[in-house]
Amino acid sequence: QVRLVESGGGLVQPGGSLRLSCEASVYIFSMDSMGWYRQAPGKERELVAEITPGGVTNYADSAKGRFTISRDANKYTIYLQMNSLKPDDTAVYYCNAKTLGGTYWGQGTQVTVSS
């Protein structure tokens, strides 16, 4: 069983930045991958970014050049640095972990981009 706890969401103006954090209950290098997904009202949940234990990253086209996924293995934590935020980035952001035993989700953190 893996527990994921997100933090760092909030209200930000267009063009602003936020950093999301996701703390896992187990060593993050034991996962096949970890990542961030988001779900806007009325839309399906979509991948934002993911990272493997080897450090390979994958970004949605909408995130490339603006968002950066990173990790701190000592803190069992991954991060999503989001810059140049747009109103279209407004969504609930979920931390995700894929393991041989299954896929796990955090409870989500709201990000709202509005002036």
PDB file of N, CA and C in Angstrom:
ATOM      1  N   GLN A   1       0.851  -1.184   0.000  1.00  0.00           N
ATOM      2  CA  GLN A   1       0.000   0.000   0.000  1.00  0.00           C
ATOM      3  C   GLN A   1       0.892   1.242   0.000  1.00  0.00           C
ATOM      4  N   VAL A   2       0.562   2.198  -0.865  1.00  0.00           N
ATOM      5  CA  VAL A   2       1.317   3.428  -0.978  1.00  0.00           C
ATOM      6  C   VAL A   2       0.387   4.594  -0.678  1.00  0.00           C
ATOM      7  N   ARG A   3       0.817   5.456   0.205  1.00  0.00           N
ATOM      8  CA  ARG A   3       0.027   6.654   0.499  1.00  0.00           C
ATOM      9  C   ARG A   3       0.746   7.862  -0.081  1.00  0.00           C
ATOM     10  N   LEU A   4      -0.035   8.718  -0.745  1.00  0.00           N
ATOM     11  CA  LEU A   4       0.517   9.907  -1.394  1.00  0.00           C
ATOM     12  C   LEU A   4      -0.203  11.129  -0.853  1.00  0.00           C
ATOM     13  N   VAL A   5       0.537  12.139  -0.456  1.00  0.00           N
ATOM     14  CA  VAL A   5      -0.058  13.351   0.088  1.00  0.00           C
ATOM     15  C   VAL A   5       0.474  14.556  -0.682  1.00  0.00           C
ATOM     16  N   GLU A   6      -0.437  15.250  -1.362  1.00  0.00           N
ATOM     17  CA  GLU A   6      -0.056  16.429  -2.135  1.00  0.00           C
ATOM     18  C   GLU A   6      -0.198  17.691  -1.297  1.00  0.00           C
ATOM     19  N   SER A   7       0.553  18.698  -1.685  1.00  0.00           N
ATOM     20  CA  SER A   7       0.430  20.031  -1.087  1.00  0.00           C
ATOM     21  C   SER A   7       0.948  21.057  -2.084  1.00  0.00           C
ATOM     22  N   GLY A   8       0.627  22.321  -1.816  1.00  0.00           N
ATOM     23  CA  GLY A   8       1.188  23.393  -2.624  1.00  0.00           C
ATOM     24  C   GLY A   8       0.238  24.055  -3.592  1.00  0.00           C
ATOM     25  N   GLY A   9      -0.985  23.566  -3.687  1.00  0.00           N
ATOM     26  CA  GLY A   9      -1.935  24.204  -4.587  1.00  0.00           C
ATOM     27  C   GLY A   9      -2.405  25.535  -4.038  1.00  0.00           C
ATOM     28  N   GLY A  10      -3.173  26.246  -4.842  1.00  0.00           N
ATOM     29  CA  GLY A  10      -3.707  27.529  -4.399  1.00  0.00           C
ATOM     30  C   GLY A  10      -4.171  28.375  -5.553  1.00  0.00           C
ATOM     31  N   LEU A  11      -4.386  29.634  -5.252  1.00  0.00           N
ATOM     32  CA  LEU A  11      -4.828  30.612  -6.240  1.00  0.00           C
ATOM     33  C   LEU A  11      -3.625  31.442  -6.686  1.00  0.00           C
ATOM     34  N   VAL A  12      -3.463  31.571  -7.985  1.00  0.00           N
ATOM     35  CA  VAL A  12      -2.340  32.341  -8.525  1.00  0.00           C
ATOM     36  C   VAL A  12      -2.818  33.112  -9.743  1.00  0.00           C
ATOM     37  N   GLN A  13      -2.216  34.250  -9.987  1.00  0.00           N
ATOM     38  CA  GLN A  13      -2.580  35.057 -11.155  1.00  0.00           C
ATOM     39  C   GLN A  13      -1.942  34.483 -12.417  1.00  0.00           C
ATOM     40  N   PRO A  14      -2.538  34.734 -13.571  1.00  0.00           N
ATOM     41  CA  PRO A  14      -1.903  34.303 -14.823  1.00  0.00           C
ATOM     42  C   PRO A  14      -0.470  34.819 -14.913  1.00  0.00           C
ATOM     43  N   GLY A  15       0.415  33.938 -15.370  1.00  0.00           N
ATOM     44  CA  GLY A  15       1.838  34.278 -15.444  1.00  0.00           C
ATOM     45  C   GLY A  15       2.611  33.933 -14.194  1.00  0.00           C
ATOM     46  N   GLY A  16       1.909  33.572 -13.134  1.00  0.00           N
ATOM     47  CA  GLY A  16       2.558  33.255 -11.876  1.00  0.00           C
ATOM     48  C   GLY A  16       3.079  31.829 -11.816  1.00  0.00           C
ATOM     49  N   SER A  17       3.615  31.485 -10.650  1.00  0.00           N
ATOM     50  CA  SER A  17       4.221  30.168 -10.450  1.00  0.00           C
ATOM     51  C   SER A  17       3.695  29.513  -9.176  1.00  0.00           C
ATOM     52  N   LEU A  18       3.733  28.195  -9.189  1.00  0.00           N
ATOM     53  CA  LEU A  18       3.427  27.388  -8.004  1.00  0.00           C
ATOM     54  C   LEU A  18       4.319  26.160  -8.027  1.00  0.00           C
ATOM     55  N   ARG A  19       4.608  25.630  -6.843  1.00  0.00           N
ATOM     56  CA  ARG A  19       5.313  24.359  -6.756  1.00  0.00           C
ATOM     57  C   ARG A  19       4.470  23.389  -5.949  1.00  0.00           C
ATOM     58  N   LEU A  20       4.117  22.283  -6.582  1.00  0.00           N
ATOM     59  CA  LEU A  20       3.377  21.236  -5.909  1.00  0.00           C
ATOM     60  C   LEU A  20       4.352  20.195  -5.358  1.00  0.00           C
ATOM     61  N   SER A  21       3.985  19.631  -4.227  1.00  0.00           N
ATOM     62  CA  SER A  21       4.789  18.563  -3.616  1.00  0.00           C
ATOM     63  C   SER A  21       3.923  17.336  -3.401  1.00  0.00           C
ATOM     64  N   CYS A  22       4.544  16.175  -3.501  1.00  0.00           N
ATOM     65  CA  CYS A  22       3.850  14.920  -3.233  1.00  0.00           C
ATOM     66  C   CYS A  22       4.781  14.039  -2.410  1.00  0.00           C
ATOM     67  N   GLU A  23       4.382  13.793  -1.169  1.00  0.00           N
ATOM     68  CA  GLU A  23       5.176  12.946  -0.291  1.00  0.00           C
ATOM     69  C   GLU A  23       4.596  11.543  -0.278  1.00  0.00           C
ATOM     70  N   ALA A  24       5.466  10.568  -0.539  1.00  0.00           N
ATOM     71  CA  ALA A  24       5.048   9.168  -0.564  1.00  0.00           C
ATOM     72  C   ALA A  24       5.381   8.491   0.757  1.00  0.00           C
ATOM     73  N   SER A  25       4.636   7.439   1.056  1.00  0.00           N
ATOM     74  CA  SER A  25       4.850   6.705   2.300  1.00  0.00           C
ATOM     75  C   SER A  25       5.932   5.640   2.162  1.00  0.00           C
ATOM     76  N   VAL A  26       6.398   5.423   0.924  1.00  0.00           N
ATOM     77  CA  VAL A  26       7.456   4.450   0.688  1.00  0.00           C
ATOM     78  C   VAL A  26       8.529   5.090  -0.177  1.00  0.00           C
ATOM     79  N   TYR A  27       9.678   4.432  -0.240  1.00  0.00           N
ATOM     80  CA  TYR A  27      10.803   4.951  -1.010  1.00  0.00           C
ATOM     81  C   TYR A  27      10.411   5.114  -2.467  1.00  0.00           C
ATOM     82  N   ILE A  28      10.606   6.347  -3.002  1.00  0.00           N
ATOM     83  CA  ILE A  28      10.068   6.622  -4.335  1.00  0.00           C
ATOM     84  C   ILE A  28      10.791   5.834  -5.423  1.00  0.00           C
ATOM     85  N   PHE A  29      12.013   5.401  -5.172  1.00  0.00           N
ATOM     86  CA  PHE A  29      12.720   4.622  -6.174  1.00  0.00           C
ATOM     87  C   PHE A  29      12.209   3.188  -6.244  1.00  0.00           C
ATOM     88  N   SER A  30      11.278   2.834  -5.351  1.00  0.00           N
ATOM     89  CA  SER A  30      10.660   1.514  -5.428  1.00  0.00           C
ATOM     90  C   SER A  30       9.485   1.506  -6.412  1.00  0.00           C
ATOM     91  N   MET A  31       9.091   2.693  -6.896  1.00  0.00           N
ATOM     92  CA  MET A  31       7.974   2.794  -7.842  1.00  0.00           C
ATOM     93  C   MET A  31       8.476   2.584  -9.266  1.00  0.00           C
ATOM     94  N   ASP A  32       7.596   2.101 -10.122  1.00  0.00           N
ATOM     95  CA  ASP A  32       7.926   2.039 -11.545  1.00  0.00           C
ATOM     96  C   ASP A  32       7.983   3.443 -12.132  1.00  0.00           C
ATOM     97  N   SER A  33       7.109   4.308 -11.665  1.00  0.00           N
ATOM     98  CA  SER A  33       7.126   5.704 -12.060  1.00  0.00           C
ATOM     99  C   SER A  33       6.261   6.486 -11.088  1.00  0.00           C
ATOM    100  N   MET A  34       6.496   7.782 -11.039  1.00  0.00           N
ATOM    101  CA  MET A  34       5.627   8.699 -10.298  1.00  0.00           C
ATOM    102  C   MET A  34       5.338   9.880 -11.193  1.00  0.00           C
ATOM    103  N   GLY A  35       4.198  10.490 -10.950  1.00  0.00           N
ATOM    104  CA  GLY A  35       3.863  11.612 -11.822  1.00  0.00           C
ATOM    105  C   GLY A  35       2.733  12.448 -11.300  1.00  0.00           C
ATOM    106  N   TRP A  36       2.363  13.408 -12.123  1.00  0.00           N
ATOM    107  CA  TRP A  36       1.271  14.336 -11.837  1.00  0.00           C
ATOM    108  C   TRP A  36       0.247  14.266 -12.953  1.00  0.00           C
ATOM    109  N   TYR A  37      -1.004  14.202 -12.555  1.00  0.00           N
ATOM    110  CA  TYR A  37      -2.137  14.272 -13.453  1.00  0.00           C
ATOM    111  C   TYR A  37      -2.998  15.440 -13.011  1.00  0.00           C
ATOM    112  N   ARG A  38      -3.893  15.876 -13.890  1.00  0.00           N
ATOM    113  CA  ARG A  38      -4.831  16.929 -13.503  1.00  0.00           C
ATOM    114  C   ARG A  38      -6.198  16.660 -14.120  1.00  0.00           C
ATOM    115  N   GLN A  39      -7.201  17.196 -13.461  1.00  0.00           N
ATOM    116  CA  GLN A  39      -8.569  17.061 -13.952  1.00  0.00           C
ATOM    117  C   GLN A  39      -9.292  18.376 -13.768  1.00  0.00           C
ATOM    118  N   ALA A  40      -9.688  18.954 -14.879  1.00  0.00           N
ATOM    119  CA  ALA A  40     -10.457  20.189 -14.864  1.00  0.00           C
ATOM    120  C   ALA A  40     -11.943  19.847 -14.857  1.00  0.00           C
ATOM    121  N   PRO A  41     -12.791  20.758 -14.405  1.00  0.00           N
ATOM    122  CA  PRO A  41     -14.232  20.480 -14.371  1.00  0.00           C
ATOM    123  C   PRO A  41     -14.757  20.081 -15.741  1.00  0.00           C
ATOM    124  N   GLY A  42     -15.484  18.976 -15.783  1.00  0.00           N
ATOM    125  CA  GLY A  42     -16.084  18.523 -17.029  1.00  0.00           C
ATOM    126  C   GLY A  42     -15.137  17.840 -17.988  1.00  0.00           C
ATOM    127  N   LYS A  43     -13.883  17.652 -17.563  1.00  0.00           N
ATOM    128  CA  LYS A  43     -12.892  17.030 -18.442  1.00  0.00           C
ATOM    129  C   LYS A  43     -12.333  15.761 -17.799  1.00  0.00           C
ATOM    130  N   GLU A  44     -11.720  14.935 -18.618  1.00  0.00           N
ATOM    131  CA  GLU A  44     -11.095  13.718 -18.112  1.00  0.00           C
ATOM    132  C   GLU A  44      -9.755  14.030 -17.464  1.00  0.00           C
ATOM    133  N   ARG A  45      -9.351  13.141 -16.564  1.00  0.00           N
ATOM    134  CA  ARG A  45      -8.040  13.284 -15.950  1.00  0.00           C
ATOM    135  C   ARG A  45      -6.960  13.047 -17.011  1.00  0.00           C
ATOM    136  N   GLU A  46      -5.922  13.889 -16.990  1.00  0.00           N
ATOM    137  CA  GLU A  46      -4.886  13.791 -18.010  1.00  0.00           C
ATOM    138  C   GLU A  46      -3.505  13.858 -17.371  1.00  0.00           C
ATOM    139  N   LEU A  47      -2.555  13.222 -18.036  1.00  0.00           N
ATOM    140  CA  LEU A  47      -1.173  13.259 -17.583  1.00  0.00           C
ATOM    141  C   LEU A  47      -0.600  14.663 -17.762  1.00  0.00           C
ATOM    142  N   VAL A  48       0.131  15.115 -16.768  1.00  0.00           N
ATOM    143  CA  VAL A  48       0.870  16.371 -16.866  1.00  0.00           C
ATOM    144  C   VAL A  48       2.360  16.067 -17.044  1.00  0.00           C
ATOM    145  N   ALA A  49       2.901  15.254 -16.142  1.00  0.00           N
ATOM    146  CA  ALA A  49       4.324  14.910 -16.204  1.00  0.00           C
ATOM    147  C   ALA A  49       4.575  13.672 -15.374  1.00  0.00           C
ATOM    148  N   GLU A  50       5.592  12.909 -15.738  1.00  0.00           N
ATOM    149  CA  GLU A  50       5.954  11.731 -14.973  1.00  0.00           C
ATOM    150  C   GLU A  50       7.465  11.531 -15.019  1.00  0.00           C
ATOM    151  N   ILE A  51       7.962  10.776 -14.031  1.00  0.00           N
ATOM    152  CA  ILE A  51       9.403  10.546 -13.924  1.00  0.00           C
ATOM    153  C   ILE A  51       9.641   9.113 -13.467  1.00  0.00           C
ATOM    154  N   THR A  52      10.650   8.478 -14.046  1.00  0.00           N
ATOM    155  CA  THR A  52      10.995   7.110 -13.675  1.00  0.00           C
ATOM    156  C   THR A  52      12.146   7.114 -12.672  1.00  0.00           C
ATOM    157  N   PRO A  53      12.414   5.983 -12.050  1.00  0.00           N
ATOM    158  CA  PRO A  53      13.547   5.939 -11.125  1.00  0.00           C
ATOM    159  C   PRO A  53      14.871   6.300 -11.793  1.00  0.00           C
ATOM    160  N   GLY A  54      14.965   6.021 -13.078  1.00  0.00           N
ATOM    161  CA  GLY A  54      16.187   6.370 -13.797  1.00  0.00           C
ATOM    162  C   GLY A  54      16.277   7.826 -14.181  1.00  0.00           C
ATOM    163  N   GLY A  55      15.229   8.577 -13.882  1.00  0.00           N
ATOM    164  CA  GLY A  55      15.247  10.008 -14.164  1.00  0.00           C
ATOM    165  C   GLY A  55      14.674  10.388 -15.513  1.00  0.00           C
ATOM    166  N   VAL A  56      14.110   9.421 -16.220  1.00  0.00           N
ATOM    167  CA  VAL A  56      13.495   9.746 -17.510  1.00  0.00           C
ATOM    168  C   VAL A  56      12.179  10.462 -17.254  1.00  0.00           C
ATOM    169  N   THR A  57      11.975  11.574 -17.942  1.00  0.00           N
ATOM    170  CA  THR A  57      10.758  12.363 -17.746  1.00  0.00           C
ATOM    171  C   THR A  57       9.912  12.374 -19.005  1.00  0.00           C
ATOM    172  N   ASN A  58       8.644  12.592 -18.797  1.00  0.00           N
ATOM    173  CA  ASN A  58       7.686  12.674 -19.902  1.00  0.00           C
ATOM    174  C   ASN A  58       6.692  13.767 -19.560  1.00  0.00           C
ATOM    175  N   TYR A  59       6.466  14.671 -20.493  1.00  0.00           N
ATOM    176  CA  TYR A  59       5.569  15.802 -20.255  1.00  0.00           C
ATOM    177  C   TYR A  59       4.465  15.842 -21.298  1.00  0.00           C
ATOM    178  N   ALA A  60       3.293  16.280 -20.854  1.00  0.00           N
ATOM    179  CA  ALA A  60       2.246  16.616 -21.805  1.00  0.00           C
ATOM    180  C   ALA A  60       2.700  17.810 -22.624  1.00  0.00           C
ATOM    181  N   ASP A  61       2.198  17.907 -23.850  1.00  0.00           N
ATOM    182  CA  ASP A  61       2.581  19.042 -24.696  1.00  0.00           C
ATOM    183  C   ASP A  61       2.259  20.369 -24.015  1.00  0.00           C
ATOM    184  N   SER A  62       1.154  20.404 -23.282  1.00  0.00           N
ATOM    185  CA  SER A  62       0.737  21.647 -22.628  1.00  0.00           C
ATOM    186  C   SER A  62       1.684  22.054 -21.501  1.00  0.00           C
ATOM    187  N   ALA A  63       2.482  21.105 -21.008  1.00  0.00           N
ATOM    188  CA  ALA A  63       3.381  21.371 -19.883  1.00  0.00           C
ATOM    189  C   ALA A  63       4.824  21.644 -20.316  1.00  0.00           C
ATOM    190  N   LYS A  64       5.165  21.238 -21.511  1.00  0.00           N
ATOM    191  CA  LYS A  64       6.554  21.372 -21.970  1.00  0.00           C
ATOM    192  C   LYS A  64       6.995  22.828 -21.985  1.00  0.00           C
ATOM    193  N   GLY A  65       8.172  23.067 -21.414  1.00  0.00           N
ATOM    194  CA  GLY A  65       8.721  24.412 -21.391  1.00  0.00           C
ATOM    195  C   GLY A  65       8.226  25.276 -20.253  1.00  0.00           C
ATOM    196  N   ARG A  66       7.188  24.827 -19.551  1.00  0.00           N
ATOM    197  CA  ARG A  66       6.643  25.624 -18.436  1.00  0.00           C
ATOM    198  C   ARG A  66       6.718  24.882 -17.104  1.00  0.00           C
ATOM    199  N   PHE A  67       6.542  23.565 -17.142  1.00  0.00           N
ATOM    200  CA  PHE A  67       6.504  22.758 -15.919  1.00  0.00           C
ATOM    201  C   PHE A  67       7.746  21.885 -15.838  1.00  0.00           C
ATOM    202  N   THR A  68       8.192  21.635 -14.615  1.00  0.00           N
ATOM    203  CA  THR A  68       9.328  20.748 -14.406  1.00  0.00           C
ATOM    204  C   THR A  68       9.022  19.783 -13.264  1.00  0.00           C
ATOM    205  N   ILE A  69       9.174  18.500 -13.540  1.00  0.00           N
ATOM    206  CA  ILE A  69       9.001  17.487 -12.499  1.00  0.00           C
ATOM    207  C   ILE A  69      10.373  17.131 -11.949  1.00  0.00           C
ATOM    208  N   SER A  70      10.443  16.982 -10.633  1.00  0.00           N
ATOM    209  CA  SER A  70      11.710  16.633 -10.004  1.00  0.00           C
ATOM    210  C   SER A  70      11.429  15.780  -8.770  1.00  0.00           C
ATOM    211  N   ARG A  71      12.492  15.333  -8.111  1.00  0.00           N
ATOM    212  CA  ARG A  71      12.306  14.447  -6.961  1.00  0.00           C
ATOM    213  C   ARG A  71      13.419  14.646  -5.944  1.00  0.00           C
ATOM    214  N   ASP A  72      13.108  14.313  -4.729  1.00  0.00           N
ATOM    215  CA  ASP A  72      14.088  14.286  -3.647  1.00  0.00           C
ATOM    216  C   ASP A  72      13.921  12.936  -2.958  1.00  0.00           C
ATOM    217  N   ALA A  73      14.772  11.999  -3.302  1.00  0.00           N
ATOM    218  CA  ALA A  73      14.612  10.651  -2.774  1.00  0.00           C
ATOM    219  C   ALA A  73      14.741  10.612  -1.261  1.00  0.00           C
ATOM    220  N   ASN A  74      15.585  11.488  -0.709  1.00  0.00           N
ATOM    221  CA  ASN A  74      15.772  11.494   0.740  1.00  0.00           C
ATOM    222  C   ASN A  74      14.503  11.884   1.475  1.00  0.00           C
ATOM    223  N   LYS A  75      13.646  12.658   0.803  1.00  0.00           N
ATOM    224  CA  LYS A  75      12.413  13.129   1.431  1.00  0.00           C
ATOM    225  C   LYS A  75      11.200  12.349   0.928  1.00  0.00           C
ATOM    226  N   TYR A  76      11.421  11.301   0.113  1.00  0.00           N
ATOM    227  CA  TYR A  76      10.315  10.511  -0.428  1.00  0.00           C
ATOM    228  C   TYR A  76       9.313  11.424  -1.153  1.00  0.00           C
ATOM    229  N   THR A  77       9.822  12.415  -1.847  1.00  0.00           N
ATOM    230  CA  THR A  77       8.951  13.459  -2.386  1.00  0.00           C
ATOM    231  C   THR A  77       9.259  13.743  -3.847  1.00  0.00           C
ATOM    232  N   ILE A  78       8.201  13.985  -4.617  1.00  0.00           N
ATOM    233  CA  ILE A  78       8.367  14.537  -5.957  1.00  0.00           C
ATOM    234  C   ILE A  78       7.715  15.912  -5.992  1.00  0.00           C
ATOM    235  N   TYR A  79       8.141  16.704  -6.961  1.00  0.00           N
ATOM    236  CA  TYR A  79       7.671  18.076  -7.078  1.00  0.00           C
ATOM    237  C   TYR A  79       7.207  18.346  -8.504  1.00  0.00           C
ATOM    238  N   LEU A  80       6.357  19.356  -8.629  1.00  0.00           N
ATOM    239  CA  LEU A  80       6.007  19.884  -9.945  1.00  0.00           C
ATOM    240  C   LEU A  80       6.121  21.395  -9.862  1.00  0.00           C
ATOM    241  N   GLN A  81       7.151  21.927 -10.475  1.00  0.00           N
ATOM    242  CA  GLN A  81       7.317  23.374 -10.564  1.00  0.00           C
ATOM    243  C   GLN A  81       6.550  23.867 -11.777  1.00  0.00           C
ATOM    244  N   MET A  82       5.614  24.752 -11.557  1.00  0.00           N
ATOM    245  CA  MET A  82       4.765  25.250 -12.634  1.00  0.00           C
ATOM    246  C   MET A  82       5.004  26.742 -12.787  1.00  0.00           C
ATOM    247  N   ASN A  83       5.464  27.144 -13.957  1.00  0.00           N
ATOM    248  CA  ASN A  83       5.715  28.551 -14.262  1.00  0.00           C
ATOM    249  C   ASN A  83       4.819  29.007 -15.401  1.00  0.00           C
ATOM    250  N   SER A  84       4.717  30.297 -15.558  1.00  0.00           N
ATOM    251  CA  SER A  84       3.911  30.886 -16.641  1.00  0.00           C
ATOM    252  C   SER A  84       2.521  30.275 -16.675  1.00  0.00           C
ATOM    253  N   LEU A  85       1.897  30.219 -15.524  1.00  0.00           N
ATOM    254  CA  LEU A  85       0.592  29.565 -15.430  1.00  0.00           C
ATOM    255  C   LEU A  85      -0.474  30.323 -16.204  1.00  0.00           C
ATOM    256  N   LYS A  86      -1.396  29.552 -16.757  1.00  0.00           N
ATOM    257  CA  LYS A  86      -2.487  30.093 -17.564  1.00  0.00           C
ATOM    258  C   LYS A  86      -3.818  29.672 -16.938  1.00  0.00           C
ATOM    259  N   PRO A  87      -4.897  30.401 -17.247  1.00  0.00           N
ATOM    260  CA  PRO A  87      -6.207  29.982 -16.738  1.00  0.00           C
ATOM    261  C   PRO A  87      -6.555  28.536 -17.110  1.00  0.00           C
ATOM    262  N   ASP A  88      -6.099  28.076 -18.266  1.00  0.00           N
ATOM    263  CA  ASP A  88      -6.364  26.698 -18.694  1.00  0.00           C
ATOM    264  C   ASP A  88      -5.680  25.657 -17.812  1.00  0.00           C
ATOM    265  N   ASP A  89      -4.745  26.087 -16.981  1.00  0.00           N
ATOM    266  CA  ASP A  89      -4.086  25.166 -16.055  1.00  0.00           C
ATOM    267  C   ASP A  89      -4.919  24.908 -14.806  1.00  0.00           C
ATOM    268  N   THR A  90      -6.011  25.634 -14.672  1.00  0.00           N
ATOM    269  CA  THR A  90      -6.881  25.440 -13.512  1.00  0.00           C
ATOM    270  C   THR A  90      -7.436  24.027 -13.491  1.00  0.00           C
ATOM    271  N   ALA A  91      -7.214  23.328 -12.380  1.00  0.00           N
ATOM    272  CA  ALA A  91      -7.633  21.929 -12.261  1.00  0.00           C
ATOM    273  C   ALA A  91      -7.281  21.427 -10.871  1.00  0.00           C
ATOM    274  N   VAL A  92      -7.776  20.237 -10.565  1.00  0.00           N
ATOM    275  CA  VAL A  92      -7.270  19.509  -9.402  1.00  0.00           C
ATOM    276  C   VAL A  92      -6.091  18.667  -9.877  1.00  0.00           C
ATOM    277  N   TYR A  93      -4.973  18.800  -9.197  1.00  0.00           N
ATOM    278  CA  TYR A  93      -3.755  18.086  -9.567  1.00  0.00           C
ATOM    279  C   TYR A  93      -3.567  16.906  -8.624  1.00  0.00           C
ATOM    280  N   TYR A  94      -3.342  15.744  -9.241  1.00  0.00           N
ATOM    281  CA  TYR A  94      -3.223  14.502  -8.481  1.00  0.00           C
ATOM    282  C   TYR A  94      -1.827  13.912  -8.640  1.00  0.00           C
ATOM    283  N   CYS A  95      -1.274  13.462  -7.549  1.00  0.00           N
ATOM    284  CA  CYS A  95      -0.034  12.704  -7.578  1.00  0.00           C
ATOM    285  C   CYS A  95      -0.366  11.242  -7.880  1.00  0.00           C
ATOM    286  N   ASN A  96       0.498  10.594  -8.635  1.00  0.00           N
ATOM    287  CA  ASN A  96       0.258   9.222  -9.078  1.00  0.00           C
ATOM    288  C   ASN A  96       1.520   8.395  -8.895  1.00  0.00           C
ATOM    289  N   ALA A  97       1.347   7.158  -8.484  1.00  0.00           N
ATOM    290  CA  ALA A  97       2.477   6.240  -8.380  1.00  0.00           C
ATOM    291  C   ALA A  97       2.090   4.903  -8.982  1.00  0.00           C
ATOM    292  N   LYS A  98       2.937   4.399  -9.849  1.00  0.00           N
ATOM    293  CA  LYS A  98       2.697   3.094 -10.471  1.00  0.00           C
ATOM    294  C   LYS A  98       3.707   2.106  -9.918  1.00  0.00           C
ATOM    295  N   THR A  99       3.204   0.975  -9.450  1.00  0.00           N
ATOM    296  CA  THR A  99       4.049  -0.083  -8.922  1.00  0.00           C
ATOM    297  C   THR A  99       3.586  -1.421  -9.469  1.00  0.00           C
ATOM    298  N   LEU A 100       4.361  -2.450  -9.216  1.00  0.00           N
ATOM    299  CA  LEU A 100       3.940  -3.790  -9.629  1.00  0.00           C
ATOM    300  C   LEU A 100       2.659  -4.199  -8.930  1.00  0.00           C
ATOM    301  N   GLY A 101       2.430  -3.626  -7.749  1.00  0.00           N
ATOM    302  CA  GLY A 101       1.253  -3.980  -6.977  1.00  0.00           C
ATOM    303  C   GLY A 101       0.016  -3.187  -7.313  1.00  0.00           C
ATOM    304  N   GLY A 102       0.171  -2.170  -8.149  1.00  0.00           N
ATOM    305  CA  GLY A 102      -0.987  -1.384  -8.513  1.00  0.00           C
ATOM    306  C   GLY A 102      -0.652   0.080  -8.722  1.00  0.00           C
ATOM    307  N   THR A 103      -1.687   0.850  -8.978  1.00  0.00           N
ATOM    308  CA  THR A 103      -1.559   2.291  -9.198  1.00  0.00           C
ATOM    309  C   THR A 103      -2.229   3.027  -8.046  1.00  0.00           C
ATOM    310  N   TYR A 104      -1.560   4.047  -7.553  1.00  0.00           N
ATOM    311  CA  TYR A 104      -2.036   4.781  -6.389  1.00  0.00           C
ATOM    312  C   TYR A 104      -2.187   6.252  -6.712  1.00  0.00           C
ATOM    313  N   TRP A 105      -3.144   6.875  -6.018  1.00  0.00           N
ATOM    314  CA  TRP A 105      -3.439   8.287  -6.231  1.00  0.00           C
ATOM    315  C   TRP A 105      -3.464   9.025  -4.898  1.00  0.00           C
ATOM    316  N   GLY A 106      -3.054  10.276  -4.947  1.00  0.00           N
ATOM    317  CA  GLY A 106      -3.252  11.160  -3.815  1.00  0.00           C
ATOM    318  C   GLY A 106      -4.662  11.711  -3.820  1.00  0.00           C
ATOM    319  N   GLN A 107      -4.938  12.559  -2.825  1.00  0.00           N
ATOM    320  CA  GLN A 107      -6.288  13.103  -2.695  1.00  0.00           C
ATOM    321  C   GLN A 107      -6.524  14.305  -3.609  1.00  0.00           C
ATOM    322  N   GLY A 108      -5.461  14.853  -4.159  1.00  0.00           N
ATOM    323  CA  GLY A 108      -5.580  15.985  -5.072  1.00  0.00           C
ATOM    324  C   GLY A 108      -5.391  17.317  -4.377  1.00  0.00           C
ATOM    325  N   THR A 109      -4.887  18.284  -5.134  1.00  0.00           N
ATOM    326  CA  THR A 109      -4.747  19.653  -4.645  1.00  0.00           C
ATOM    327  C   THR A 109      -5.231  20.604  -5.731  1.00  0.00           C
ATOM    328  N   GLN A 110      -6.028  21.580  -5.329  1.00  0.00           N
ATOM    329  CA  GLN A 110      -6.646  22.496  -6.293  1.00  0.00           C
ATOM    330  C   GLN A 110      -5.650  23.580  -6.709  1.00  0.00           C
ATOM    331  N   VAL A 111      -5.542  23.783  -8.002  1.00  0.00           N
ATOM    332  CA  VAL A 111      -4.791  24.903  -8.560  1.00  0.00           C
ATOM    333  C   VAL A 111      -5.764  25.764  -9.357  1.00  0.00           C
ATOM    334  N   THR A 112      -5.836  27.021  -9.004  1.00  0.00           N
ATOM    335  CA  THR A 112      -6.711  27.960  -9.694  1.00  0.00           C
ATOM    336  C   THR A 112      -5.884  29.123 -10.213  1.00  0.00           C
ATOM    337  N   VAL A 113      -5.961  29.355 -11.511  1.00  0.00           N
ATOM    338  CA  VAL A 113      -5.231  30.449 -12.145  1.00  0.00           C
ATOM    339  C   VAL A 113      -6.254  31.477 -12.610  1.00  0.00           C
ATOM    340  N   SER A 114      -6.256  32.607 -11.944  1.00  0.00           N
ATOM    341  CA  SER A 114      -7.268  33.608 -12.227  1.00  0.00           C
ATOM    342  C   SER A 114      -6.788  34.972 -11.758  1.00  0.00           C
ATOM    343  N   SER A 115      -7.222  35.998 -12.486  1.00  0.00           N
ATOM    344  CA  SER A 115      -6.899  37.362 -12.059  1.00  0.00           C
ATOM    345  C   SER A 115      -8.029  37.928 -11.206  1.00  0.00           C
TER     346      SER A 115
END
